Protein backbone atom coordinates (compact mmCIF):
# COMPACT_ATOMS: atom_id res chain seq x y z
CA UNK A 1 0.00 0.00 0.00
CA UNK A 2 1.25 3.48 -0.86
CA UNK A 3 0.62 5.17 2.51
CA UNK A 4 2.16 2.31 4.49
CA UNK A 5 5.36 2.75 2.44
CA UNK A 6 5.41 6.47 3.27
CA UNK A 7 4.94 5.81 7.00
CA UNK A 8 7.67 3.15 7.01
CA UNK A 9 10.22 5.46 5.33
CA UNK A 10 9.34 8.67 7.18
CA UNK A 11 11.83 8.37 10.10
CA UNK A 12 14.77 7.94 7.70
CA UNK A 13 13.97 10.69 5.21
CA UNK A 14 16.07 13.80 4.69
CA UNK A 15 14.51 17.16 5.57
CA UNK A 16 12.88 18.03 2.22
CA UNK A 17 11.69 14.45 1.65
CA UNK A 18 10.38 14.34 5.23
CA UNK A 19 8.38 17.49 4.54
CA UNK A 20 6.91 15.92 1.40
CA UNK A 21 6.09 12.69 3.25
CA UNK A 22 4.30 14.55 6.07
CA UNK A 23 2.32 16.53 3.52
CA UNK A 24 1.17 13.38 1.70
CA UNK A 25 0.14 11.71 4.95
CA UNK A 26 -1.94 14.77 5.80
CA UNK A 27 -3.41 15.06 2.29
CA UNK A 28 -3.10 11.54 0.85
CA UNK A 29 -5.04 12.27 -2.33
CA UNK A 30 -2.56 14.86 -3.55
CA UNK A 31 -0.13 12.49 -5.26
CA UNK A 32 -2.93 11.14 -7.43
CA UNK A 33 -4.28 14.62 -8.16
CA UNK A 34 -1.13 16.46 -9.31
CA UNK A 35 1.81 15.94 -11.60
CA UNK A 36 5.30 16.00 -10.09
CA UNK A 37 5.92 19.70 -10.80
CA UNK A 38 2.59 20.77 -9.28
CA UNK A 39 3.14 18.66 -6.17
CA UNK A 40 6.66 20.02 -5.72
CA UNK A 41 5.39 23.61 -5.94
CA UNK A 42 2.53 22.90 -3.52
CA UNK A 43 4.89 21.36 -0.94
CA UNK A 44 7.67 23.92 -1.38
CA UNK A 45 10.27 21.36 -2.49
CA UNK A 46 12.11 20.72 -5.77
CA UNK A 47 10.93 18.37 -8.49
CA UNK A 48 14.14 16.39 -7.93
CA UNK A 49 13.08 15.84 -4.32
CA UNK A 50 9.77 14.38 -5.51
CA UNK A 51 11.64 12.02 -7.85
CA UNK A 52 14.03 10.87 -5.10
CA UNK A 53 11.13 10.43 -2.72
CA UNK A 54 9.15 8.05 -4.95
CA UNK A 55 12.27 6.02 -5.78
CA UNK A 56 13.00 5.69 -2.05
CA UNK A 57 9.48 4.29 -1.66
CA UNK A 58 10.37 1.60 -4.19
CA UNK A 59 8.60 3.00 -7.27
CA UNK A 60 10.31 3.20 -10.64
CA UNK A 61 9.08 6.74 -11.31
CA UNK A 62 6.49 9.31 -10.31
CA UNK A 63 3.79 7.94 -12.62
CA UNK A 64 3.98 4.46 -11.07
CA UNK A 65 3.72 5.97 -7.57
CA UNK A 66 0.81 8.09 -8.72
CA UNK A 67 -1.01 5.02 -10.05
CA UNK A 68 -0.45 3.21 -6.75
CA UNK A 69 -1.85 6.17 -4.81
CA UNK A 70 -4.85 6.36 -7.16
CA UNK A 71 -5.53 2.61 -6.82
CA UNK A 72 -5.31 2.83 -3.04
CA UNK A 73 -7.71 5.78 -3.01
CA UNK A 74 -10.21 3.87 -5.13
CA UNK A 75 -9.93 0.79 -2.92
CA UNK A 76 -10.72 2.97 0.08
CA UNK A 77 -13.77 4.38 -1.73
CA UNK A 78 -12.18 7.83 -1.83
CA UNK A 79 -12.00 8.18 1.95
CA UNK A 80 -8.34 9.19 1.89
CA UNK A 81 -8.87 11.91 -0.70
CA UNK A 82 -8.41 15.31 0.90
CA UNK A 83 -10.09 17.04 -2.06
CA UNK A 84 -13.91 17.05 -2.13
CA UNK A 85 -15.51 15.56 -5.20
CA UNK A 86 -17.52 17.77 -7.48
CA UNK A 87 -20.65 15.68 -6.90
CA UNK A 88 -21.23 13.77 -3.71
CA UNK A 89 -24.98 13.32 -3.72
CA UNK A 90 -26.91 13.89 -0.48
CA UNK A 91 -23.65 14.04 1.50
CA UNK A 92 -22.15 16.74 -0.69
CA UNK A 93 -19.51 18.61 1.22
CA UNK A 94 -20.40 22.15 2.23
CA UNK A 95 -19.01 25.27 0.62
CA UNK A 96 -17.50 26.18 3.99
CA UNK A 97 -15.35 23.04 4.02
CA UNK A 98 -14.26 23.73 0.46
CA UNK A 99 -13.27 27.19 1.64
CA UNK A 100 -11.15 25.66 4.41
CA UNK A 101 -9.36 23.37 1.96
CA UNK A 102 -8.74 26.30 -0.38
CA UNK A 103 -7.48 28.36 2.55
CA UNK A 104 -4.99 25.65 3.49
CA UNK A 105 -3.66 25.46 -0.06
CA UNK A 106 -3.41 29.26 -0.38
CA UNK A 107 -1.65 29.55 2.98
CA UNK A 108 1.02 26.96 2.27
CA UNK A 109 1.66 28.43 -1.15
CA UNK A 110 2.67 31.64 0.65
CA UNK A 111 4.86 29.93 3.25
CA UNK A 112 8.59 30.08 2.69
CA UNK A 113 9.86 26.62 3.60
CA UNK A 114 13.21 28.01 4.77
CA UNK A 115 11.44 30.43 7.11
CA UNK A 116 9.44 27.61 8.65
CA UNK A 117 12.58 25.55 9.15
CA UNK A 118 14.61 28.42 10.64
CA UNK A 119 11.75 29.28 13.02
CA UNK A 120 11.75 25.67 14.24
CA UNK A 121 15.49 25.98 14.90
CA UNK A 122 14.92 29.22 16.81
CA UNK A 123 12.23 27.59 18.96
CA UNK A 124 14.62 24.87 20.11
CA UNK A 125 17.56 27.24 20.69
CA UNK A 126 15.65 30.01 22.48
CA UNK A 127 16.13 30.58 26.21
CA UNK A 128 12.37 31.00 26.45
CA UNK A 129 9.53 31.04 23.92
CA UNK A 130 6.71 33.53 24.45
CA UNK A 131 3.36 33.03 22.66
CA UNK A 132 1.33 36.22 22.34
CA UNK A 133 -2.35 36.44 21.39
CA UNK A 134 -5.14 38.86 22.25
CA UNK A 135 -8.86 38.04 22.28
CA UNK A 136 -9.62 35.16 19.89
CA UNK A 137 -5.93 34.82 19.03
CA UNK A 138 -5.24 33.77 22.62
CA UNK A 139 -6.89 30.45 21.73
CA UNK A 140 -4.32 29.83 18.99
CA UNK A 141 -1.45 30.99 21.20
CA UNK A 142 -2.55 28.48 23.85
CA UNK A 143 -2.82 25.76 21.20
CA UNK A 144 0.68 26.43 19.94
CA UNK A 145 1.97 26.38 23.51
CA UNK A 146 0.40 22.95 23.97
CA UNK A 147 2.34 21.78 20.89
CA UNK A 148 5.66 23.25 22.04
CA UNK A 149 5.69 22.80 25.80
CA UNK A 150 6.29 19.06 25.50
CA UNK A 151 9.68 19.73 23.90
CA UNK A 152 10.35 23.31 25.02
CA UNK A 153 9.44 23.47 28.72
CA UNK A 154 10.36 27.17 28.98
CA UNK A 155 7.35 28.19 26.90
CA UNK A 156 4.66 30.63 28.06
CA UNK A 157 1.45 31.99 26.59
CA UNK A 158 0.86 35.64 27.52
CA UNK A 159 -0.73 37.80 28.80
CA UNK A 160 -2.21 35.85 31.71
CA UNK A 161 -5.60 36.95 32.96
CA UNK A 162 -5.18 39.68 35.55
CA UNK A 163 -1.54 40.29 34.69
CA UNK A 164 -0.03 43.30 32.99
CA UNK A 165 2.05 43.10 29.81
CA UNK A 166 4.92 44.85 31.54
CA UNK A 167 5.36 41.89 33.90
CA UNK A 168 6.34 39.73 30.93
CA UNK A 169 7.85 42.17 28.44
CA UNK A 170 10.34 43.39 31.03
CA UNK A 171 11.70 39.82 31.22
CA UNK A 172 12.03 39.28 27.45
CA UNK A 173 15.50 39.55 25.95
CA UNK A 174 17.42 38.83 22.74
CA UNK A 175 18.02 35.19 23.75
CA UNK A 176 14.27 34.61 23.75
CA UNK A 177 11.75 34.15 20.93
CA UNK A 178 8.30 35.72 20.53
CA UNK A 179 5.64 34.11 18.35
CA UNK A 180 2.74 36.51 17.99
CA UNK A 181 -0.63 35.53 16.49
CA UNK A 182 -2.52 38.62 15.30
CA UNK A 183 -5.60 38.09 13.12
CA UNK A 184 -8.16 40.62 11.96
CA UNK A 185 -8.44 44.06 13.52
CA UNK A 186 -5.33 44.91 15.50
CA UNK A 187 -5.55 45.32 19.25
CA UNK A 188 -4.89 48.84 20.51
CA UNK A 189 -1.75 47.71 22.30
CA UNK A 190 -0.22 46.08 19.24
CA UNK A 191 2.01 48.91 18.01
CA UNK A 192 3.21 49.82 21.50
CA UNK A 193 4.02 46.19 22.26
CA UNK A 194 5.87 45.76 18.94
CA UNK A 195 7.90 48.85 19.78
CA UNK A 196 8.86 47.45 23.19
CA UNK A 197 9.80 44.08 21.74
CA UNK A 198 11.97 45.74 19.09
CA UNK A 199 13.73 47.65 21.86
CA UNK A 200 14.59 44.34 23.53
CA UNK A 201 16.04 43.01 20.23
CA UNK A 202 14.06 39.77 20.63
CA UNK A 203 13.44 37.78 17.41
CA UNK A 204 9.74 37.97 16.50
CA UNK A 205 7.58 35.65 14.40
CA UNK A 206 4.21 37.07 13.37
CA UNK A 207 1.28 34.93 12.23
CA UNK A 208 -1.38 37.08 10.58
CA UNK A 209 -4.22 36.71 8.12
CA UNK A 210 -4.30 37.35 4.37
CA UNK A 211 -4.90 41.07 4.92
CA UNK A 212 -1.85 41.55 7.11
CA UNK A 213 0.72 44.00 5.80
CA UNK A 214 4.46 43.66 6.24
CA UNK A 215 5.41 44.43 9.84
CA UNK A 216 8.68 46.24 10.54
CA UNK A 217 11.21 44.57 12.80
CA UNK A 218 9.72 41.09 12.41
CA UNK A 219 12.08 38.22 11.58
CA UNK A 220 9.43 35.77 10.33
CA UNK A 221 6.00 36.62 9.00
CA UNK A 222 3.34 34.14 7.88
CA UNK A 223 -0.06 34.87 6.40
CA UNK A 224 -2.98 32.48 6.87
CA UNK A 225 -6.07 32.79 4.72
CA UNK A 226 -9.23 32.88 6.86
CA UNK A 227 -11.98 33.94 4.45
CA UNK A 228 -15.07 31.77 4.06
CA UNK A 229 -18.58 31.92 2.66
CA UNK A 230 -19.96 31.46 6.17
CA UNK A 231 -20.54 34.24 8.69
CA UNK A 232 -17.67 33.02 10.87
CA UNK A 233 -14.10 33.02 9.63
CA UNK A 234 -12.18 29.83 8.97
CA UNK A 235 -9.10 29.23 11.12
CA UNK A 236 -8.11 25.79 9.85
CA UNK A 237 -4.99 27.22 8.21
CA UNK A 238 -3.93 28.97 11.43
CA UNK A 239 -4.20 25.76 13.44
CA UNK A 240 -2.43 23.79 10.70
CA UNK A 241 0.48 26.24 10.64
CA UNK A 242 0.77 26.10 14.44
CA UNK A 243 0.84 22.32 14.17
CA UNK A 244 3.59 22.46 11.54
CA UNK A 245 5.71 24.71 13.76
CA UNK A 246 5.26 22.30 16.66
CA UNK A 247 6.06 19.24 14.53
CA UNK A 248 9.24 20.77 13.12
CA UNK A 249 10.41 21.93 16.53
CA UNK A 250 9.88 18.42 17.88
CA UNK A 251 11.92 17.02 15.00
CA UNK A 252 14.71 19.52 15.69
CA UNK A 253 14.79 18.75 19.39
CA UNK A 254 15.57 15.12 18.53
CA UNK A 255 16.67 12.81 21.35
CA UNK A 256 16.08 15.50 24.00
CA UNK A 257 12.45 15.82 22.92
CA UNK A 258 11.94 12.06 22.82
CA UNK A 259 13.40 11.71 26.30
CA UNK A 260 11.14 14.46 27.66
CA UNK A 261 8.05 12.96 25.99
CA UNK A 262 8.93 9.56 27.46
CA UNK A 263 9.22 11.06 30.96
CA UNK A 264 5.86 12.80 30.51
CA UNK A 265 4.23 9.52 29.48
CA UNK A 266 5.77 7.69 32.46
CA UNK A 267 4.53 10.31 34.94
CA UNK A 268 1.07 10.35 33.33
CA UNK A 269 0.93 6.56 33.67
CA UNK A 270 1.75 6.78 37.38
CA UNK A 271 -0.85 9.50 37.83
CA UNK A 272 -3.47 7.46 36.00
CA UNK A 273 -3.87 10.02 33.23
CA UNK A 274 -4.44 8.89 29.68
């Protein structure tokens, strides 16, 4: 089976091939839906990487791998296909879900793969990682913290309820890292906080939406598309990007991360937590 080959090879893949493998496991229908050049562009890797990847899986060329992926998708009655079919009868997928899929594709087409990789390096090397989010964005900051704290214990989501920004900003320095999630209308404190962070010379990563302009003094900037036909915005791309940052940081942390995760599991077992 195509996907079982990908899972088996994943731990031994080089960085670019690993990225491609993770993408295909998340969106298994993509290999059958695109030619090699389109898939390479969508994943942010070279066409040569795609060719090496399929040969490592044991396929003669991309077309043979594509046929295997298509056959597997058909055997599974299309359940692994991440792309909605044009006609799905009574269970036709909603326009809102199509919007979310389109938003994911748009977002990752804007992401610079090198930026994502260098941010993961910065997460692991930082003295402390600070996750900033106001209002709704606090939810995403907390989510990203939950992804990072298992491998980066010195990770904090701010501001805490009842606390002032000064309590945290005064402790932030150039050895730290700030990841700021700022979607939609900017909070009144945004510019003042950016100014203070720039004064501290701390590296800043900013996750915004598709309307976000270029922010001065920001080392990494990512834009996530959130538009949808529904009244509420779609934040699937924001959560996906946070997950990618967490996954890459875990990969970077290597043996240290695995050791920490093992200790967490052992303590949870003693505490009776699942």
